[in-house]
Amino acid sequence: MPCTIRDVAKKAKVSVATVSKALNGYQDVSEETKKYIQDIANELNYVPNASARNLSAKNIKNVAIIASGLIQEDQIDEFAMALIKGAYKYISKLDMTIAMYSITSEDQDKKSFDQFCKEYSLSGALIMGLKTTDNYYKNLQQSKIPYVTIDVKVDSEVGSSVLTDDEKAFEEITQYVIDKNHKDLILVYGRKSALVTLNREKGFKNALQRNNIDFENVTKIYSEFFEEEAYSKVKELLIEEGKNLGTVFVCMSDLMAFGTIRAIKECGYKIPEDFSVTGYDGMSFIKYVEPNITTINQNMTQKGYEAARLLSDMIENNSESKSINVDYQFIKGNSVKNL
């Protein structure tokens, strides 16, 4: 049977609390006592539980990535992994531990953000996948625990955010297709309740207005950022309308662009000869798609890194909340034809 902290305390003839303090470097335990207890722990081959050690050590902070909707939406897995990679890259240099928790919108109705953090002894959290209809979007404004939101801004004294300038980026990619002489645009929307959708729509409208194109004449397809939904809806419209549908699909995500490309090819059309397509996100799979998709790379790993940096600064230095934009890259593929 593995040795427990109680076994160490019994052999050393001290309390469990004293053993815990000695092994976690507390200042109110003498160096002589620390060495005495450490020697006994070594003799008994005692290995402290990592979770218990982190919870009791004053110099270690526990933080987390809280991902809303991760289980329900497989397509954000790559985003989550990129964010984790960036966050770990920063956190690994500090005296902090980081975990990841997946929650649903229903979970948020049962337990507030502050209650969640207290239950898991979190000093702060990075939050991704948050929708404007989520309960956390509302109660974060009253939170007392530092947090950083990804791709959505929630104003409070302890909250920061890491964003992409979606309006500017989407305006840029829309202007690009217009400069290629496309006037009959098809907009493939993301989730209506997502702020990124609203901001990308603004950018789209800005480009149209500058070029005297009526937004009301644009064909609109709503697919909630889902590849299969984009695929089925685009295919249905192509069967009904054919090439009368428009000349270019401007998609709010790479996954929806991929679904759109599948539908176009299955209907017997070619890209970009018959229809042009643009994406958004910069997901890794696009390099294997033929033709290469013109898209926006959001730099999700850098977002995770910057989010961890902001959170650490708020926890360790009580820094003020702030919102920062991570630079994006316009990637010109060969999926847009010059008319």
C-alpha atoms as a PDB file:
ATOM      1  CA  MET A   1       0.000   0.000   0.000  1.00  0.00           C
ATOM      2  CA  PRO A   2       1.418   3.447  -0.929  1.00  0.00           C
ATOM      3  CA  CYS A   3       2.650   5.596   1.922  1.00  0.00           C
ATOM      4  CA  THR A   4       0.330   8.471   2.861  1.00  0.00           C
ATOM      5  CA  ILE A   5       0.972  11.842   4.472  1.00  0.00           C
ATOM      6  CA  ARG A   6      -0.549  10.452   7.649  1.00  0.00           C
ATOM      7  CA  ASP A   7       2.131   7.731   7.725  1.00  0.00           C
ATOM      8  CA  VAL A   8       4.826  10.393   7.514  1.00  0.00           C
ATOM      9  CA  ALA A   9       3.175  12.437  10.271  1.00  0.00           C
ATOM     10  CA  LYS A  10       2.878   9.371  12.523  1.00  0.00           C
ATOM     11  CA  LYS A  11       6.543   8.391  12.098  1.00  0.00           C
ATOM     12  CA  ALA A  12       7.723  11.986  12.584  1.00  0.00           C
ATOM     13  CA  LYS A  13       5.372  12.426  15.566  1.00  0.00           C
ATOM     14  CA  VAL A  14       3.979  15.695  14.200  1.00  0.00           C
ATOM     15  CA  SER A  15       0.628  16.783  12.773  1.00  0.00           C
ATOM     16  CA  VAL A  16      -0.427  16.221   9.163  1.00  0.00           C
ATOM     17  CA  ALA A  17      -0.558  20.008   8.773  1.00  0.00           C
ATOM     18  CA  THR A  18       3.090  20.316   9.839  1.00  0.00           C
ATOM     19  CA  VAL A  19       4.132  17.661   7.312  1.00  0.00           C
ATOM     20  CA  SER A  20       2.212  19.453   4.563  1.00  0.00           C
ATOM     21  CA  LYS A  21       3.798  22.801   5.419  1.00  0.00           C
ATOM     22  CA  ALA A  22       7.285  21.308   5.655  1.00  0.00           C
ATOM     23  CA  LEU A  23       7.059  19.555   2.284  1.00  0.00           C
ATOM     24  CA  ASN A  24       5.566  22.624   0.579  1.00  0.00           C
ATOM     25  CA  GLY A  25       8.198  25.070   1.816  1.00  0.00           C
ATOM     26  CA  TYR A  26       6.154  27.198   4.233  1.00  0.00           C
ATOM     27  CA  GLN A  27       8.174  29.795   6.108  1.00  0.00           C
ATOM     28  CA  ASP A  28       6.625  29.111   9.524  1.00  0.00           C
ATOM     29  CA  VAL A  29       8.385  25.719   9.728  1.00  0.00           C
ATOM     30  CA  SER A  30      12.062  25.695  10.705  1.00  0.00           C
ATOM     31  CA  GLU A  31      14.696  24.425   8.293  1.00  0.00           C
ATOM     32  CA  GLU A  32      15.662  21.740  10.790  1.00  0.00           C
ATOM     33  CA  THR A  33      12.083  20.447  10.956  1.00  0.00           C
ATOM     34  CA  LYS A  34      11.753  20.587   7.177  1.00  0.00           C
ATOM     35  CA  LYS A  35      14.859  18.466   6.733  1.00  0.00           C
ATOM     36  CA  TYR A  36      13.758  16.013   9.439  1.00  0.00           C
ATOM     37  CA  ILE A  37      10.343  15.500   7.807  1.00  0.00           C
ATOM     38  CA  GLN A  38      11.794  15.314   4.298  1.00  0.00           C
ATOM     39  CA  ASP A  39      14.220  12.596   5.426  1.00  0.00           C
ATOM     40  CA  ILE A  40      11.364  10.539   6.867  1.00  0.00           C
ATOM     41  CA  ALA A  41       9.292  11.069   3.709  1.00  0.00           C
ATOM     42  CA  ASN A  42      12.214   9.803   1.622  1.00  0.00           C
ATOM     43  CA  GLU A  43      12.707   6.838   3.923  1.00  0.00           C
ATOM     44  CA  LEU A  44       9.047   5.864   3.543  1.00  0.00           C
ATOM     45  CA  ASN A  45       9.075   6.545  -0.224  1.00  0.00           C
ATOM     46  CA  TYR A  46       6.268   9.060   0.192  1.00  0.00           C
ATOM     47  CA  VAL A  47       5.187  10.734  -3.081  1.00  0.00           C
ATOM     48  CA  PRO A  48       2.900  13.774  -2.593  1.00  0.00           C
ATOM     49  CA  ASN A  49      -0.318  13.929  -4.589  1.00  0.00           C
ATOM     50  CA  ALA A  50       0.164  16.607  -7.269  1.00  0.00           C
ATOM     51  CA  SER A  51      -3.328  18.054  -6.898  1.00  0.00           C
ATOM     52  CA  ALA A  52      -3.109  18.251  -3.131  1.00  0.00           C
ATOM     53  CA  ARG A  53       0.366  19.764  -3.320  1.00  0.00           C
ATOM     54  CA  ASN A  54      -0.750  22.431  -5.757  1.00  0.00           C
ATOM     55  CA  LEU A  55      -3.774  23.322  -3.692  1.00  0.00           C
ATOM     56  CA  SER A  56      -1.738  23.730  -0.522  1.00  0.00           C
ATOM     57  CA  ALA A  57       1.355  25.436  -1.890  1.00  0.00           C
ATOM     58  CA  LYS A  58       1.089  29.190  -1.512  1.00  0.00           C
ATOM     59  CA  ASN A  59       3.543  29.907  -4.293  1.00  0.00           C
ATOM     60  CA  ILE A  60       1.650  27.927  -6.958  1.00  0.00           C
ATOM     61  CA  LYS A  61      -1.436  29.242  -8.737  1.00  0.00           C
ATOM     62  CA  ASN A  62      -3.949  27.010 -10.501  1.00  0.00           C
ATOM     63  CA  VAL A  63      -5.463  28.316 -13.730  1.00  0.00           C
ATOM     64  CA  ALA A  64      -7.585  26.666 -16.403  1.00  0.00           C
ATOM     65  CA  ILE A  65      -8.826  26.817 -19.937  1.00  0.00           C
ATOM     66  CA  ILE A  66     -12.615  26.591 -19.815  1.00  0.00           C
ATOM     67  CA  ALA A  67     -13.992  25.537 -23.199  1.00  0.00           C
ATOM     68  CA  SER A  68     -17.701  25.998 -23.756  1.00  0.00           C
ATOM     69  CA  GLY A  69     -19.261  23.620 -26.286  1.00  0.00           C
ATOM     70  CA  LEU A  70     -16.102  21.563 -26.839  1.00  0.00           C
ATOM     71  CA  ILE A  71     -17.868  18.196 -26.587  1.00  0.00           C
ATOM     72  CA  GLN A  72     -20.761  19.187 -28.825  1.00  0.00           C
ATOM     73  CA  GLU A  73     -18.675  20.749 -31.594  1.00  0.00           C
ATOM     74  CA  ASP A  74     -15.854  18.586 -32.932  1.00  0.00           C
ATOM     75  CA  GLN A  75     -14.614  21.276 -35.286  1.00  0.00           C
ATOM     76  CA  ILE A  76     -13.198  23.434 -32.495  1.00  0.00           C
ATOM     77  CA  ASP A  77     -10.812  20.673 -31.417  1.00  0.00           C
ATOM     78  CA  GLU A  78      -7.990  22.139 -33.469  1.00  0.00           C
ATOM     79  CA  PHE A  79      -8.688  25.591 -32.048  1.00  0.00           C
ATOM     80  CA  ALA A  80      -8.644  24.177 -28.536  1.00  0.00           C
ATOM     81  CA  MET A  81      -5.370  22.356 -29.104  1.00  0.00           C
ATOM     82  CA  ALA A  82      -3.756  25.458 -30.636  1.00  0.00           C
ATOM     83  CA  LEU A  83      -4.906  27.579 -27.697  1.00  0.00           C
ATOM     84  CA  ILE A  84      -3.667  24.997 -25.209  1.00  0.00           C
ATOM     85  CA  LYS A  85      -0.317  24.856 -26.955  1.00  0.00           C
ATOM     86  CA  GLY A  86       0.070  28.626 -26.791  1.00  0.00           C
ATOM     87  CA  ALA A  87      -1.118  28.864 -23.191  1.00  0.00           C
ATOM     88  CA  TYR A  88       1.161  26.039 -22.035  1.00  0.00           C
ATOM     89  CA  LYS A  89       4.086  27.631 -23.823  1.00  0.00           C
ATOM     90  CA  TYR A  90       3.723  30.670 -21.592  1.00  0.00           C
ATOM     91  CA  ILE A  91       2.514  29.026 -18.364  1.00  0.00           C
ATOM     92  CA  SER A  92       5.338  26.451 -18.417  1.00  0.00           C
ATOM     93  CA  LYS A  93       7.799  29.232 -17.625  1.00  0.00           C
ATOM     94  CA  LEU A  94       5.919  30.196 -14.450  1.00  0.00           C
ATOM     95  CA  ASP A  95       5.096  28.707 -11.069  1.00  0.00           C
ATOM     96  CA  MET A  96       1.564  27.846 -12.205  1.00  0.00           C
ATOM     97  CA  THR A  97      -0.409  24.770 -13.177  1.00  0.00           C
ATOM     98  CA  ILE A  98      -2.983  24.762 -15.974  1.00  0.00           C
ATOM     99  CA  ALA A  99      -5.884  22.386 -16.586  1.00  0.00           C
ATOM    100  CA  MET A 100      -8.680  22.218 -19.120  1.00  0.00           C
ATOM    101  CA  TYR A 101     -12.395  21.838 -18.475  1.00  0.00           C
ATOM    102  CA  SER A 102     -15.207  21.383 -20.971  1.00  0.00           C
ATOM    103  CA  ILE A 103     -18.596  22.852 -20.095  1.00  0.00           C
ATOM    104  CA  THR A 104     -21.947  23.283 -21.818  1.00  0.00           C
ATOM    105  CA  SER A 105     -24.372  26.191 -21.839  1.00  0.00           C
ATOM    106  CA  GLU A 106     -26.540  24.142 -19.489  1.00  0.00           C
ATOM    107  CA  ASP A 107     -23.648  23.788 -17.025  1.00  0.00           C
ATOM    108  CA  GLN A 108     -23.376  27.571 -16.912  1.00  0.00           C
ATOM    109  CA  ASP A 109     -27.020  27.812 -15.848  1.00  0.00           C
ATOM    110  CA  LYS A 110     -26.338  25.576 -12.846  1.00  0.00           C
ATOM    111  CA  LYS A 111     -23.111  27.137 -11.594  1.00  0.00           C
ATOM    112  CA  SER A 112     -21.690  30.658 -11.997  1.00  0.00           C
ATOM    113  CA  PHE A 113     -18.142  31.280 -13.215  1.00  0.00           C
ATOM    114  CA  ASP A 114     -17.001  32.317  -9.729  1.00  0.00           C
ATOM    115  CA  GLN A 115     -18.565  29.214  -8.185  1.00  0.00           C
ATOM    116  CA  PHE A 116     -16.823  27.045 -10.775  1.00  0.00           C
ATOM    117  CA  CYS A 117     -13.437  28.629 -10.035  1.00  0.00           C
ATOM    118  CA  LYS A 118     -13.862  28.285  -6.286  1.00  0.00           C
ATOM    119  CA  GLU A 119     -14.847  24.633  -6.610  1.00  0.00           C
ATOM    120  CA  TYR A 120     -11.680  23.861  -8.570  1.00  0.00           C
ATOM    121  CA  SER A 121      -9.476  26.268  -6.566  1.00  0.00           C
ATOM    122  CA  LEU A 122      -8.691  28.358  -9.649  1.00  0.00           C
ATOM    123  CA  SER A 123      -6.907  31.696  -9.410  1.00  0.00           C
ATOM    124  CA  GLY A 124      -8.152  32.570 -12.894  1.00  0.00           C
ATOM    125  CA  ALA A 125      -9.209  31.139 -16.237  1.00  0.00           C
ATOM    126  CA  LEU A 126      -9.015  31.451 -20.003  1.00  0.00           C
ATOM    127  CA  ILE A 127     -12.478  31.100 -21.553  1.00  0.00           C
ATOM    128  CA  MET A 128     -13.163  30.046 -25.142  1.00  0.00           C
ATOM    129  CA  GLY A 129     -16.289  29.199 -27.142  1.00  0.00           C
ATOM    130  CA  LEU A 130     -18.457  31.677 -25.227  1.00  0.00           C
ATOM    131  CA  LYS A 131     -21.720  32.756 -26.907  1.00  0.00           C
ATOM    132  CA  THR A 132     -23.622  35.965 -26.232  1.00  0.00           C
ATOM    133  CA  THR A 133     -26.547  33.838 -25.071  1.00  0.00           C
ATOM    134  CA  ASP A 134     -24.453  31.977 -22.483  1.00  0.00           C
ATOM    135  CA  ASN A 135     -24.930  32.653 -18.785  1.00  0.00           C
ATOM    136  CA  TYR A 136     -21.190  33.222 -18.293  1.00  0.00           C
ATOM    137  CA  TYR A 137     -21.330  36.061 -20.826  1.00  0.00           C
ATOM    138  CA  LYS A 138     -23.673  37.818 -18.413  1.00  0.00           C
ATOM    139  CA  ASN A 139     -22.228  36.964 -14.984  1.00  0.00           C
ATOM    140  CA  LEU A 140     -18.579  37.482 -15.925  1.00  0.00           C
ATOM    141  CA  GLN A 141     -19.281  41.208 -15.721  1.00  0.00           C
ATOM    142  CA  GLN A 142     -19.706  40.824 -11.948  1.00  0.00           C
ATOM    143  CA  SER A 143     -16.863  38.351 -11.442  1.00  0.00           C
ATOM    144  CA  LYS A 144     -14.170  38.879  -8.817  1.00  0.00           C
ATOM    145  CA  ILE A 145     -11.841  36.244 -10.285  1.00  0.00           C
ATOM    146  CA  PRO A 146      -9.448  37.209 -13.130  1.00  0.00           C
ATOM    147  CA  TYR A 147     -10.308  35.834 -16.552  1.00  0.00           C
ATOM    148  CA  VAL A 148      -9.365  36.242 -20.195  1.00  0.00           C
ATOM    149  CA  THR A 149     -11.936  35.588 -22.908  1.00  0.00           C
ATOM    150  CA  ILE A 150     -10.967  34.412 -26.389  1.00  0.00           C
ATOM    151  CA  ASP A 151     -12.756  35.964 -29.404  1.00  0.00           C
ATOM    152  CA  VAL A 152     -15.371  37.718 -27.311  1.00  0.00           C
ATOM    153  CA  LYS A 153     -15.061  40.806 -25.139  1.00  0.00           C
ATOM    154  CA  VAL A 154     -16.779  40.914 -21.733  1.00  0.00           C
ATOM    155  CA  ASP A 155     -16.070  44.149 -19.902  1.00  0.00           C
ATOM    156  CA  SER A 156     -15.264  44.090 -16.185  1.00  0.00           C
ATOM    157  CA  GLU A 157     -12.525  45.210 -13.794  1.00  0.00           C
ATOM    158  CA  VAL A 158     -10.941  41.737 -13.713  1.00  0.00           C
ATOM    159  CA  GLY A 159     -11.531  40.592 -17.297  1.00  0.00           C
ATOM    160  CA  SER A 160      -9.286  40.866 -20.339  1.00  0.00           C
ATOM    161  CA  SER A 161      -9.785  39.604 -23.879  1.00  0.00           C
ATOM    162  CA  VAL A 162      -7.718  38.388 -26.813  1.00  0.00           C
ATOM    163  CA  LEU A 163      -9.269  38.960 -30.202  1.00  0.00           C
ATOM    164  CA  THR A 164      -8.774  39.056 -33.936  1.00  0.00           C
ATOM    165  CA  ASP A 165      -9.914  42.236 -35.658  1.00  0.00           C
ATOM    166  CA  ASP A 166     -12.619  40.223 -37.413  1.00  0.00           C
ATOM    167  CA  GLU A 167     -14.287  43.249 -38.951  1.00  0.00           C
ATOM    168  CA  LYS A 168     -11.077  44.454 -40.577  1.00  0.00           C
ATOM    169  CA  ALA A 169      -9.964  40.968 -41.671  1.00  0.00           C
ATOM    170  CA  PHE A 170     -13.294  40.045 -43.211  1.00  0.00           C
ATOM    171  CA  GLU A 171     -13.522  43.393 -44.945  1.00  0.00           C
ATOM    172  CA  GLU A 172     -10.071  42.723 -46.418  1.00  0.00           C
ATOM    173  CA  ILE A 173     -10.938  39.279 -47.770  1.00  0.00           C
ATOM    174  CA  THR A 174     -14.265  40.547 -49.150  1.00  0.00           C
ATOM    175  CA  GLN A 175     -12.536  43.450 -50.863  1.00  0.00           C
ATOM    176  CA  TYR A 176     -10.102  40.951 -52.357  1.00  0.00           C
ATOM    177  CA  VAL A 177     -12.854  39.022 -54.159  1.00  0.00           C
ATOM    178  CA  ILE A 178     -14.500  42.254 -55.304  1.00  0.00           C
ATOM    179  CA  ASP A 179     -11.150  43.375 -56.714  1.00  0.00           C
ATOM    180  CA  LYS A 180     -11.206  40.109 -58.666  1.00  0.00           C
ATOM    181  CA  ASN A 181     -14.406  41.509 -60.282  1.00  0.00           C
ATOM    182  CA  HIS A 182     -16.868  39.376 -58.320  1.00  0.00           C
ATOM    183  CA  LYS A 183     -20.185  41.183 -57.779  1.00  0.00           C
ATOM    184  CA  ASP A 184     -22.562  38.246 -57.166  1.00  0.00           C
ATOM    185  CA  LEU A 185     -21.450  37.166 -53.704  1.00  0.00           C
ATOM    186  CA  ILE A 186     -22.776  34.333 -51.544  1.00  0.00           C
ATOM    187  CA  LEU A 187     -22.161  34.814 -47.798  1.00  0.00           C
ATOM    188  CA  VAL A 188     -21.881  31.618 -45.744  1.00  0.00           C
ATOM    189  CA  TYR A 189     -22.614  32.658 -42.153  1.00  0.00           C
ATOM    190  CA  GLY A 190     -21.471  31.266 -38.832  1.00  0.00           C
ATOM    191  CA  ARG A 191     -23.481  31.065 -35.627  1.00  0.00           C
ATOM    192  CA  LYS A 192     -25.918  33.961 -35.279  1.00  0.00           C
ATOM    193  CA  SER A 193     -25.283  34.288 -31.522  1.00  0.00           C
ATOM    194  CA  ALA A 194     -21.491  34.565 -31.942  1.00  0.00           C
ATOM    195  CA  LEU A 195     -19.905  38.005 -31.805  1.00  0.00           C
ATOM    196  CA  VAL A 196     -17.335  36.922 -34.388  1.00  0.00           C
ATOM    197  CA  THR A 197     -20.209  36.368 -36.831  1.00  0.00           C
ATOM    198  CA  LEU A 198     -21.558  39.867 -36.247  1.00  0.00           C
ATOM    199  CA  ASN A 199     -18.115  41.443 -36.593  1.00  0.00           C
ATOM    200  CA  ARG A 200     -17.337  39.552 -39.797  1.00  0.00           C
ATOM    201  CA  GLU A 201     -20.714  40.598 -41.180  1.00  0.00           C
ATOM    202  CA  LYS A 202     -19.811  44.224 -40.453  1.00  0.00           C
ATOM    203  CA  GLY A 203     -16.580  43.856 -42.394  1.00  0.00           C
ATOM    204  CA  PHE A 204     -18.454  42.248 -45.274  1.00  0.00           C
ATOM    205  CA  LYS A 205     -20.968  45.099 -45.368  1.00  0.00           C
ATOM    206  CA  ASN A 206     -18.188  47.707 -45.229  1.00  0.00           C
ATOM    207  CA  ALA A 207     -16.594  46.295 -48.374  1.00  0.00           C
ATOM    208  CA  LEU A 208     -19.930  46.065 -50.165  1.00  0.00           C
ATOM    209  CA  GLN A 209     -20.874  49.626 -49.279  1.00  0.00           C
ATOM    210  CA  ARG A 210     -17.534  50.949 -50.519  1.00  0.00           C
ATOM    211  CA  ASN A 211     -18.138  49.251 -53.855  1.00  0.00           C
ATOM    212  CA  ASN A 212     -21.844  50.130 -54.176  1.00  0.00           C
ATOM    213  CA  ILE A 213     -23.030  46.527 -53.885  1.00  0.00           C
ATOM    214  CA  ASP A 214     -26.442  46.069 -52.250  1.00  0.00           C
ATOM    215  CA  PHE A 215     -26.278  43.716 -49.237  1.00  0.00           C
ATOM    216  CA  GLU A 216     -29.904  42.766 -49.826  1.00  0.00           C
ATOM    217  CA  ASN A 217     -28.938  41.186 -53.154  1.00  0.00           C
ATOM    218  CA  VAL A 218     -26.396  38.880 -51.514  1.00  0.00           C
ATOM    219  CA  THR A 219     -27.401  35.214 -51.137  1.00  0.00           C
ATOM    220  CA  LYS A 220     -27.047  34.227 -47.479  1.00  0.00           C
ATOM    221  CA  ILE A 221     -26.505  30.716 -46.128  1.00  0.00           C
ATOM    222  CA  TYR A 222     -26.602  30.039 -42.355  1.00  0.00           C
ATOM    223  CA  SER A 223     -24.703  26.979 -41.191  1.00  0.00           C
ATOM    224  CA  GLU A 224     -23.633  27.599 -37.567  1.00  0.00           C
ATOM    225  CA  PHE A 225     -19.924  27.027 -38.424  1.00  0.00           C
ATOM    226  CA  PHE A 226     -20.689  23.352 -39.158  1.00  0.00           C
ATOM    227  CA  GLU A 227     -19.041  21.735 -42.180  1.00  0.00           C
ATOM    228  CA  GLU A 228     -21.853  19.263 -42.854  1.00  0.00           C
ATOM    229  CA  GLU A 229     -24.540  21.927 -42.615  1.00  0.00           C
ATOM    230  CA  ALA A 230     -22.660  24.167 -45.060  1.00  0.00           C
ATOM    231  CA  TYR A 231     -22.195  21.194 -47.380  1.00  0.00           C
ATOM    232  CA  SER A 232     -25.890  20.221 -47.413  1.00  0.00           C
ATOM    233  CA  LYS A 233     -27.252  23.762 -47.774  1.00  0.00           C
ATOM    234  CA  VAL A 234     -24.812  24.755 -50.511  1.00  0.00           C
ATOM    235  CA  LYS A 235     -25.502  21.530 -52.406  1.00  0.00           C
ATOM    236  CA  GLU A 236     -29.252  22.074 -52.173  1.00  0.00           C
ATOM    237  CA  LEU A 237     -28.959  25.598 -53.579  1.00  0.00           C
ATOM    238  CA  LEU A 238     -26.578  24.514 -56.341  1.00  0.00           C
ATOM    239  CA  ILE A 239     -29.042  21.839 -57.468  1.00  0.00           C
ATOM    240  CA  GLU A 240     -31.820  24.449 -57.539  1.00  0.00           C
ATOM    241  CA  GLU A 241     -29.961  27.446 -58.963  1.00  0.00           C
ATOM    242  CA  GLY A 242     -26.807  26.138 -60.635  1.00  0.00           C
ATOM    243  CA  LYS A 243     -24.452  28.872 -61.795  1.00  0.00           C
ATOM    244  CA  ASN A 244     -27.207  31.458 -61.343  1.00  0.00           C
ATOM    245  CA  LEU A 245     -26.522  31.266 -57.599  1.00  0.00           C
ATOM    246  CA  GLY A 246     -23.514  33.606 -57.804  1.00  0.00           C
ATOM    247  CA  THR A 247     -19.794  33.552 -58.542  1.00  0.00           C
ATOM    248  CA  VAL A 248     -18.049  33.398 -55.155  1.00  0.00           C
ATOM    249  CA  PHE A 249     -18.773  31.826 -51.756  1.00  0.00           C
ATOM    250  CA  VAL A 250     -17.392  34.029 -48.966  1.00  0.00           C
ATOM    251  CA  CYS A 251     -17.302  31.708 -45.928  1.00  0.00           C
ATOM    252  CA  MET A 252     -16.918  32.721 -42.288  1.00  0.00           C
ATOM    253  CA  SER A 253     -14.779  29.656 -41.482  1.00  0.00           C
ATOM    254  CA  ASP A 254     -12.429  27.220 -43.190  1.00  0.00           C
ATOM    255  CA  LEU A 255     -14.629  24.291 -42.214  1.00  0.00           C
ATOM    256  CA  MET A 256     -17.639  25.813 -43.933  1.00  0.00           C
ATOM    257  CA  ALA A 257     -15.426  26.572 -46.938  1.00  0.00           C
ATOM    258  CA  PHE A 258     -14.400  22.917 -46.994  1.00  0.00           C
ATOM    259  CA  GLY A 259     -18.057  21.820 -46.872  1.00  0.00           C
ATOM    260  CA  THR A 260     -18.822  24.293 -49.659  1.00  0.00           C
ATOM    261  CA  ILE A 261     -16.007  22.918 -51.826  1.00  0.00           C
ATOM    262  CA  ARG A 262     -17.285  19.367 -51.321  1.00  0.00           C
ATOM    263  CA  ALA A 263     -20.766  20.416 -52.445  1.00  0.00           C
ATOM    264  CA  ILE A 264     -19.460  22.268 -55.497  1.00  0.00           C
ATOM    265  CA  LYS A 265     -17.386  19.299 -56.643  1.00  0.00           C
ATOM    266  CA  GLU A 266     -20.178  16.783 -56.048  1.00  0.00           C
ATOM    267  CA  CYS A 267     -22.483  18.897 -58.204  1.00  0.00           C
ATOM    268  CA  GLY A 268     -20.001  18.582 -61.054  1.00  0.00           C
ATOM    269  CA  TYR A 269     -18.509  22.074 -60.887  1.00  0.00           C
ATOM    270  CA  LYS A 270     -14.879  23.154 -60.621  1.00  0.00           C
ATOM    271  CA  ILE A 271     -13.070  25.608 -58.347  1.00  0.00           C
ATOM    272  CA  PRO A 272     -12.275  28.340 -59.234  1.00  0.00           C
ATOM    273  CA  GLU A 273     -13.388  27.891 -62.869  1.00  0.00           C
ATOM    274  CA  ASP A 274     -17.111  27.745 -61.997  1.00  0.00           C
ATOM    275  CA  PHE A 275     -17.218  29.053 -58.427  1.00  0.00           C
ATOM    276  CA  SER A 276     -14.657  30.816 -56.249  1.00  0.00           C
ATOM    277  CA  VAL A 277     -14.410  30.138 -52.486  1.00  0.00           C
ATOM    278  CA  THR A 278     -12.778  31.875 -49.517  1.00  0.00           C
ATOM    279  CA  GLY A 279     -12.392  30.666 -45.935  1.00  0.00           C
ATOM    280  CA  TYR A 280     -11.450  32.122 -42.564  1.00  0.00           C
ATOM    281  CA  ASP A 281      -9.379  30.799 -39.607  1.00  0.00           C
ATOM    282  CA  GLY A 282      -6.148  29.332 -40.969  1.00  0.00           C
ATOM    283  CA  MET A 283      -6.783  25.726 -39.919  1.00  0.00           C
ATOM    284  CA  SER A 284      -3.989  23.291 -40.701  1.00  0.00           C
ATOM    285  CA  PHE A 285      -6.002  21.011 -42.996  1.00  0.00           C
ATOM    286  CA  ILE A 286      -6.423  23.707 -45.663  1.00  0.00           C
ATOM    287  CA  LYS A 287      -2.901  23.083 -46.952  1.00  0.00           C
ATOM    288  CA  TYR A 288      -4.116  19.656 -48.109  1.00  0.00           C
ATOM    289  CA  VAL A 289      -7.252  20.963 -49.863  1.00  0.00           C
ATOM    290  CA  GLU A 290      -7.159  21.331 -53.640  1.00  0.00           C
ATOM    291  CA  PRO A 291      -7.287  24.067 -54.688  1.00  0.00           C
ATOM    292  CA  ASN A 292      -5.584  25.869 -51.804  1.00  0.00           C
ATOM    293  CA  ILE A 293      -8.128  28.065 -50.055  1.00  0.00           C
ATOM    294  CA  THR A 294      -7.725  31.831 -49.835  1.00  0.00           C
ATOM    295  CA  THR A 295      -8.256  32.515 -46.132  1.00  0.00           C
ATOM    296  CA  ILE A 296      -7.360  34.462 -42.974  1.00  0.00           C
ATOM    297  CA  ASN A 297      -4.984  32.856 -40.465  1.00  0.00           C
ATOM    298  CA  GLN A 298      -6.018  33.914 -36.944  1.00  0.00           C
ATOM    299  CA  ASN A 299      -2.829  32.633 -35.239  1.00  0.00           C
ATOM    300  CA  MET A 300      -4.657  30.649 -32.568  1.00  0.00           C
ATOM    301  CA  THR A 301      -1.456  29.481 -30.865  1.00  0.00           C
ATOM    302  CA  GLN A 302      -0.398  33.097 -30.417  1.00  0.00           C
ATOM    303  CA  LYS A 303      -3.859  33.855 -29.035  1.00  0.00           C
ATOM    304  CA  GLY A 304      -3.372  31.198 -26.373  1.00  0.00           C
ATOM    305  CA  TYR A 305       0.064  32.551 -25.512  1.00  0.00           C
ATOM    306  CA  GLU A 306      -1.170  36.154 -25.211  1.00  0.00           C
ATOM    307  CA  ALA A 307      -4.205  35.072 -23.184  1.00  0.00           C
ATOM    308  CA  ALA A 308      -1.978  33.227 -20.687  1.00  0.00           C
ATOM    309  CA  ARG A 309       0.330  36.238 -20.476  1.00  0.00           C
ATOM    310  CA  LEU A 310      -2.564  38.600 -19.718  1.00  0.00           C
ATOM    311  CA  LEU A 311      -4.046  36.224 -17.132  1.00  0.00           C
ATOM    312  CA  SER A 312      -0.708  35.763 -15.388  1.00  0.00           C
ATOM    313  CA  ASP A 313      -0.170  39.505 -15.263  1.00  0.00           C
ATOM    314  CA  MET A 314      -3.574  40.066 -13.674  1.00  0.00           C
ATOM    315  CA  ILE A 315      -3.066  37.315 -11.094  1.00  0.00           C
ATOM    316  CA  GLU A 316       0.539  38.079 -10.147  1.00  0.00           C
ATOM    317  CA  ASN A 317       0.678  41.852 -10.595  1.00  0.00           C
ATOM    318  CA  ASN A 318      -2.964  42.939 -10.270  1.00  0.00           C
ATOM    319  CA  SER A 319      -2.637  44.564 -13.685  1.00  0.00           C
ATOM    320  CA  GLU A 320      -5.615  46.334 -15.216  1.00  0.00           C
ATOM    321  CA  SER A 321      -7.890  44.525 -17.616  1.00  0.00           C
ATOM    322  CA  LYS A 322      -7.257  45.124 -21.301  1.00  0.00           C
ATOM    323  CA  SER A 323      -8.237  43.949 -24.752  1.00  0.00           C
ATOM    324  CA  ILE A 324      -5.634  43.104 -27.391  1.00  0.00           C
ATOM    325  CA  ASN A 325      -5.821  42.100 -31.042  1.00  0.00           C
ATOM    326  CA  VAL A 326      -3.481  39.383 -32.281  1.00  0.00           C
ATOM    327  CA  ASP A 327      -2.183  40.024 -35.792  1.00  0.00           C
ATOM    328  CA  TYR A 328      -3.716  37.924 -38.558  1.00  0.00           C
ATOM    329  CA  GLN A 329      -2.302  36.894 -41.939  1.00  0.00           C
ATOM    330  CA  PHE A 330      -4.057  37.061 -45.283  1.00  0.00           C
ATOM    331  CA  ILE A 331      -3.286  33.821 -47.133  1.00  0.00           C
ATOM    332  CA  LYS A 332      -3.785  33.999 -50.890  1.00  0.00           C
ATOM    333  CA  GLY A 333      -4.552  30.568 -52.282  1.00  0.00           C
ATOM    334  CA  ASN A 334      -5.780  29.747 -55.765  1.00  0.00           C
ATOM    335  CA  SER A 335      -9.475  29.308 -54.964  1.00  0.00           C
ATOM    336  CA  VAL A 336     -10.537  32.740 -56.292  1.00  0.00           C
ATOM    337  CA  LYS A 337     -10.801  33.351 -60.026  1.00  0.00           C
ATOM    338  CA  ASN A 338     -10.185  36.712 -61.661  1.00  0.00           C
ATOM    339  CA  LEU A 339     -13.332  37.373 -63.722  1.00  0.00           C
END
